[in-house]
Amino acid sequence: MKKELLQRYFVAGSQNFPDLTLAEYEERIALIMKSGITAYQFREKILTCRLMKKEL
């Protein structure tokens, strides 16, 4: 992997913007992507925690 792709690495999920609707969230992420990030990782921690609790 090229290191320059990770210069402005952004990680976020819906837990980072809890008060936004899906449309507002998508708009916010699009704006962030236009601001110059070089990589984006969607990380949904809330769903993961809920799924883990169901398995227990």
PDB file of N, CA and C in Angstrom:
ATOM      1  N   MET A   1       0.841  -1.186   0.000  1.00  0.00           N
ATOM      2  CA  MET A   1       0.000   0.000   0.000  1.00  0.00           C
ATOM      3  C   MET A   1       0.883   1.245   0.000  1.00  0.00           C
ATOM      4  N   LYS A   2       0.438   2.229  -0.715  1.00  0.00           N
ATOM      5  CA  LYS A   2       1.179   3.483  -0.778  1.00  0.00           C
ATOM      6  C   LYS A   2       0.920   4.310   0.484  1.00  0.00           C
ATOM      7  N   LYS A   3       1.982   4.701   1.152  1.00  0.00           N
ATOM      8  CA  LYS A   3       1.859   5.445   2.413  1.00  0.00           C
ATOM      9  C   LYS A   3       1.150   6.776   2.236  1.00  0.00           C
ATOM     10  N   GLU A   4       1.268   7.393   1.060  1.00  0.00           N
ATOM     11  CA  GLU A   4       0.629   8.699   0.852  1.00  0.00           C
ATOM     12  C   GLU A   4      -0.902   8.600   0.915  1.00  0.00           C
ATOM     13  N   LEU A   5      -1.449   7.406   0.711  1.00  0.00           N
ATOM     14  CA  LEU A   5      -2.891   7.232   0.833  1.00  0.00           C
ATOM     15  C   LEU A   5      -3.365   7.390   2.275  1.00  0.00           C
ATOM     16  N   LEU A   6      -2.461   7.197   3.226  1.00  0.00           N
ATOM     17  CA  LEU A   6      -2.832   7.271   4.640  1.00  0.00           C
ATOM     18  C   LEU A   6      -2.454   8.600   5.292  1.00  0.00           C
ATOM     19  N   GLN A   7      -2.055   9.574   4.508  1.00  0.00           N
ATOM     20  CA  GLN A   7      -1.648  10.854   5.082  1.00  0.00           C
ATOM     21  C   GLN A   7      -2.783  11.548   5.832  1.00  0.00           C
ATOM     22  N   ARG A   8      -3.981  11.474   5.315  1.00  0.00           N
ATOM     23  CA  ARG A   8      -5.150  12.097   5.954  1.00  0.00           C
ATOM     24  C   ARG A   8      -6.259  11.054   6.065  1.00  0.00           C
ATOM     25  N   TYR A   9      -6.031  10.106   6.947  1.00  0.00           N
ATOM     26  CA  TYR A   9      -6.905   8.952   7.126  1.00  0.00           C
ATOM     27  C   TYR A   9      -8.031   9.330   8.087  1.00  0.00           C
ATOM     28  N   PHE A  10      -9.282   9.086   7.692  1.00  0.00           N
ATOM     29  CA  PHE A  10     -10.446   9.476   8.481  1.00  0.00           C
ATOM     30  C   PHE A  10     -11.272   8.238   8.813  1.00  0.00           C
ATOM     31  N   VAL A  11     -11.577   8.042  10.086  1.00  0.00           N
ATOM     32  CA  VAL A  11     -12.393   6.917  10.549  1.00  0.00           C
ATOM     33  C   VAL A  11     -13.606   7.482  11.273  1.00  0.00           C
ATOM     34  N   ALA A  12     -14.797   7.036  10.893  1.00  0.00           N
ATOM     35  CA  ALA A  12     -16.010   7.513  11.554  1.00  0.00           C
ATOM     36  C   ALA A  12     -17.159   6.559  11.267  1.00  0.00           C
ATOM     37  N   GLY A  13     -18.165   6.648  12.110  1.00  0.00           N
ATOM     38  CA  GLY A  13     -19.412   5.905  11.939  1.00  0.00           C
ATOM     39  C   GLY A  13     -20.544   6.759  12.470  1.00  0.00           C
ATOM     40  N   SER A  14     -21.730   6.217  12.483  1.00  0.00           N
ATOM     41  CA  SER A  14     -22.882   7.019  12.920  1.00  0.00           C
ATOM     42  C   SER A  14     -22.751   7.471  14.373  1.00  0.00           C
ATOM     43  N   GLN A  15     -21.971   6.755  15.179  1.00  0.00           N
ATOM     44  CA  GLN A  15     -21.782   7.159  16.578  1.00  0.00           C
ATOM     45  C   GLN A  15     -21.052   8.501  16.688  1.00  0.00           C
ATOM     46  N   ASN A  16     -20.348   8.904  15.637  1.00  0.00           N
ATOM     47  CA  ASN A  16     -19.636  10.177  15.646  1.00  0.00           C
ATOM     48  C   ASN A  16     -20.554  11.355  15.338  1.00  0.00           C
ATOM     49  N   PHE A  17     -21.718  11.073  14.750  1.00  0.00           N
ATOM     50  CA  PHE A  17     -22.684  12.112  14.398  1.00  0.00           C
ATOM     51  C   PHE A  17     -24.085  11.642  14.788  1.00  0.00           C
ATOM     52  N   PRO A  18     -24.339  11.426  16.075  1.00  0.00           N
ATOM     53  CA  PRO A  18     -25.574  10.777  16.508  1.00  0.00           C
ATOM     54  C   PRO A  18     -26.859  11.568  16.244  1.00  0.00           C
ATOM     55  N   ASP A  19     -26.755  12.871  16.068  1.00  0.00           N
ATOM     56  CA  ASP A  19     -27.960  13.683  15.886  1.00  0.00           C
ATOM     57  C   ASP A  19     -28.329  13.901  14.426  1.00  0.00           C
ATOM     58  N   LEU A  20     -27.573  13.321  13.499  1.00  0.00           N
ATOM     59  CA  LEU A  20     -27.839  13.525  12.083  1.00  0.00           C
ATOM     60  C   LEU A  20     -28.716  12.421  11.512  1.00  0.00           C
ATOM     61  N   THR A  21     -29.552  12.787  10.546  1.00  0.00           N
ATOM     62  CA  THR A  21     -30.295  11.784   9.796  1.00  0.00           C
ATOM     63  C   THR A  21     -29.318  11.114   8.834  1.00  0.00           C
ATOM     64  N   LEU A  22     -29.753  10.045   8.192  1.00  0.00           N
ATOM     65  CA  LEU A  22     -28.883   9.368   7.239  1.00  0.00           C
ATOM     66  C   LEU A  22     -28.466  10.313   6.109  1.00  0.00           C
ATOM     67  N   ALA A  23     -29.421  11.086   5.588  1.00  0.00           N
ATOM     68  CA  ALA A  23     -29.108  12.029   4.509  1.00  0.00           C
ATOM     69  C   ALA A  23     -28.102  13.080   4.977  1.00  0.00           C
ATOM     70  N   GLU A  24     -28.288  13.589   6.191  1.00  0.00           N
ATOM     71  CA  GLU A  24     -27.354  14.581   6.738  1.00  0.00           C
ATOM     72  C   GLU A  24     -25.977  13.963   6.971  1.00  0.00           C
ATOM     73  N   TYR A  25     -25.947  12.714   7.433  1.00  0.00           N
ATOM     74  CA  TYR A  25     -24.683  12.007   7.655  1.00  0.00           C
ATOM     75  C   TYR A  25     -23.926  11.844   6.334  1.00  0.00           C
ATOM     76  N   GLU A  26     -24.639  11.398   5.305  1.00  0.00           N
ATOM     77  CA  GLU A  26     -24.013  11.225   3.991  1.00  0.00           C
ATOM     78  C   GLU A  26     -23.469  12.558   3.463  1.00  0.00           C
ATOM     79  N   GLU A  27     -24.232  13.613   3.669  1.00  0.00           N
ATOM     80  CA  GLU A  27     -23.791  14.943   3.233  1.00  0.00           C
ATOM     81  C   GLU A  27     -22.536  15.375   3.993  1.00  0.00           C
ATOM     82  N   ARG A  28     -22.502  15.131   5.279  1.00  0.00           N
ATOM     83  CA  ARG A  28     -21.346  15.493   6.104  1.00  0.00           C
ATOM     84  C   ARG A  28     -20.103  14.722   5.672  1.00  0.00           C
ATOM     85  N   ILE A  29     -20.258  13.417   5.436  1.00  0.00           N
ATOM     86  CA  ILE A  29     -19.125  12.598   4.998  1.00  0.00           C
ATOM     87  C   ILE A  29     -18.638  13.050   3.627  1.00  0.00           C
ATOM     88  N   ALA A  30     -19.562  13.376   2.724  1.00  0.00           N
ATOM     89  CA  ALA A  30     -19.174  13.863   1.398  1.00  0.00           C
ATOM     90  C   ALA A  30     -18.361  15.151   1.518  1.00  0.00           C
ATOM     91  N   LEU A  31     -18.777  16.040   2.398  1.00  0.00           N
ATOM     92  CA  LEU A  31     -18.051  17.289   2.623  1.00  0.00           C
ATOM     93  C   LEU A  31     -16.656  17.011   3.175  1.00  0.00           C
ATOM     94  N   ILE A  32     -16.569  16.107   4.129  1.00  0.00           N
ATOM     95  CA  ILE A  32     -15.274  15.741   4.709  1.00  0.00           C
ATOM     96  C   ILE A  32     -14.369  15.137   3.647  1.00  0.00           C
ATOM     97  N   MET A  33     -14.944  14.287   2.793  1.00  0.00           N
ATOM     98  CA  MET A  33     -14.145  13.671   1.737  1.00  0.00           C
ATOM     99  C   MET A  33     -13.620  14.720   0.754  1.00  0.00           C
ATOM    100  N   LYS A  34     -14.412  15.733   0.481  1.00  0.00           N
ATOM    101  CA  LYS A  34     -13.982  16.809  -0.422  1.00  0.00           C
ATOM    102  C   LYS A  34     -12.921  17.704   0.209  1.00  0.00           C
ATOM    103  N   SER A  35     -12.804  17.662   1.527  1.00  0.00           N
ATOM    104  CA  SER A  35     -11.872  18.560   2.227  1.00  0.00           C
ATOM    105  C   SER A  35     -10.417  18.115   2.126  1.00  0.00           C
ATOM    106  N   GLY A  36     -10.177  16.939   1.546  1.00  0.00           N
ATOM    107  CA  GLY A  36      -8.804  16.531   1.331  1.00  0.00           C
ATOM    108  C   GLY A  36      -8.351  15.268   2.023  1.00  0.00           C
ATOM    109  N   ILE A  37      -9.284  14.502   2.616  1.00  0.00           N
ATOM    110  CA  ILE A  37      -8.840  13.243   3.199  1.00  0.00           C
ATOM    111  C   ILE A  37      -8.384  12.309   2.080  1.00  0.00           C
ATOM    112  N   THR A  38      -7.480  11.433   2.402  1.00  0.00           N
ATOM    113  CA  THR A  38      -6.951  10.518   1.398  1.00  0.00           C
ATOM    114  C   THR A  38      -7.494   9.104   1.561  1.00  0.00           C
ATOM    115  N   ALA A  39      -8.113   8.806   2.710  1.00  0.00           N
ATOM    116  CA  ALA A  39      -8.722   7.495   2.942  1.00  0.00           C
ATOM    117  C   ALA A  39      -9.816   7.647   3.990  1.00  0.00           C
ATOM    118  N   TYR A  40     -10.892   6.887   3.822  1.00  0.00           N
ATOM    119  CA  TYR A  40     -12.012   6.923   4.759  1.00  0.00           C
ATOM    120  C   TYR A  40     -12.379   5.496   5.136  1.00  0.00           C
ATOM    121  N   GLN A  41     -12.515   5.257   6.437  1.00  0.00           N
ATOM    122  CA  GLN A  41     -12.959   3.952   6.930  1.00  0.00           C
ATOM    123  C   GLN A  41     -14.243   4.140   7.708  1.00  0.00           C
ATOM    124  N   PHE A  42     -15.305   3.466   7.278  1.00  0.00           N
ATOM    125  CA  PHE A  42     -16.558   3.489   8.012  1.00  0.00           C
ATOM    126  C   PHE A  42     -16.461   2.453   9.128  1.00  0.00           C
ATOM    127  N   ARG A  43     -16.635   2.905  10.363  1.00  0.00           N
ATOM    128  CA  ARG A  43     -16.564   1.994  11.508  1.00  0.00           C
ATOM    129  C   ARG A  43     -17.813   2.193  12.345  1.00  0.00           C
ATOM    130  N   GLU A  44     -18.658   1.199  12.371  1.00  0.00           N
ATOM    131  CA  GLU A  44     -19.924   1.264  13.092  1.00  0.00           C
ATOM    132  C   GLU A  44     -19.805   0.513  14.401  1.00  0.00           C
ATOM    133  N   LYS A  45     -19.471   1.215  15.466  1.00  0.00           N
ATOM    134  CA  LYS A  45     -19.279   0.581  16.766  1.00  0.00           C
ATOM    135  C   LYS A  45     -20.596   0.247  17.453  1.00  0.00           C
ATOM    136  N   ILE A  46     -21.611   1.050  17.259  1.00  0.00           N
ATOM    137  CA  ILE A  46     -22.887   0.825  17.933  1.00  0.00           C
ATOM    138  C   ILE A  46     -23.492  -0.498  17.483  1.00  0.00           C
ATOM    139  N   LEU A  47     -23.519  -0.753  16.193  1.00  0.00           N
ATOM    140  CA  LEU A  47     -24.071  -1.993  15.670  1.00  0.00           C
ATOM    141  C   LEU A  47     -23.273  -3.185  16.176  1.00  0.00           C
ATOM    142  N   THR A  48     -21.974  -3.073  16.187  1.00  0.00           N
ATOM    143  CA  THR A  48     -21.118  -4.159  16.661  1.00  0.00           C
ATOM    144  C   THR A  48     -21.433  -4.486  18.113  1.00  0.00           C
ATOM    145  N   CYS A  49     -21.573  -3.473  18.940  1.00  0.00           N
ATOM    146  CA  CYS A  49     -21.885  -3.702  20.357  1.00  0.00           C
ATOM    147  C   CYS A  49     -23.246  -4.364  20.512  1.00  0.00           C
ATOM    148  N   ARG A  50     -24.226  -3.933  19.730  1.00  0.00           N
ATOM    149  CA  ARG A  50     -25.556  -4.526  19.810  1.00  0.00           C
ATOM    150  C   ARG A  50     -25.531  -5.990  19.397  1.00  0.00           C
ATOM    151  N   LEU A  51     -24.796  -6.291  18.331  1.00  0.00           N
ATOM    152  CA  LEU A  51     -24.712  -7.677  17.871  1.00  0.00           C
ATOM    153  C   LEU A  51     -24.012  -8.554  18.899  1.00  0.00           C
ATOM    154  N   MET A  52     -22.975  -8.037  19.522  1.00  0.00           N
ATOM    155  CA  MET A  52     -22.259  -8.804  20.526  1.00  0.00           C
ATOM    156  C   MET A  52     -23.155  -9.119  21.715  1.00  0.00           C
ATOM    157  N   LYS A  53     -23.977  -8.165  22.129  1.00  0.00           N
ATOM    158  CA  LYS A  53     -24.868  -8.382  23.261  1.00  0.00           C
ATOM    159  C   LYS A  53     -25.896  -9.469  22.939  1.00  0.00           C
ATOM    160  N   LYS A  54     -26.373  -9.497  21.683  1.00  0.00           N
ATOM    161  CA  LYS A  54     -27.348 -10.511  21.293  1.00  0.00           C
ATOM    162  C   LYS A  54     -26.729 -11.898  21.338  1.00  0.00           C
ATOM    163  N   GLU A  55     -25.450 -12.007  20.996  1.00  0.00           N
ATOM    164  CA  GLU A  55     -24.781 -13.305  20.984  1.00  0.00           C
ATOM    165  C   GLU A  55     -24.516 -13.824  22.384  1.00  0.00           C
ATOM    166  N   LEU A  56     -24.420 -12.924  23.364  1.00  0.00           N
ATOM    167  CA  LEU A  56     -24.130 -13.343  24.739  1.00  0.00           C
ATOM    168  C   LEU A  56     -25.350 -13.896  25.353  1.00  0.00           C
TER     169      LEU A  56
END
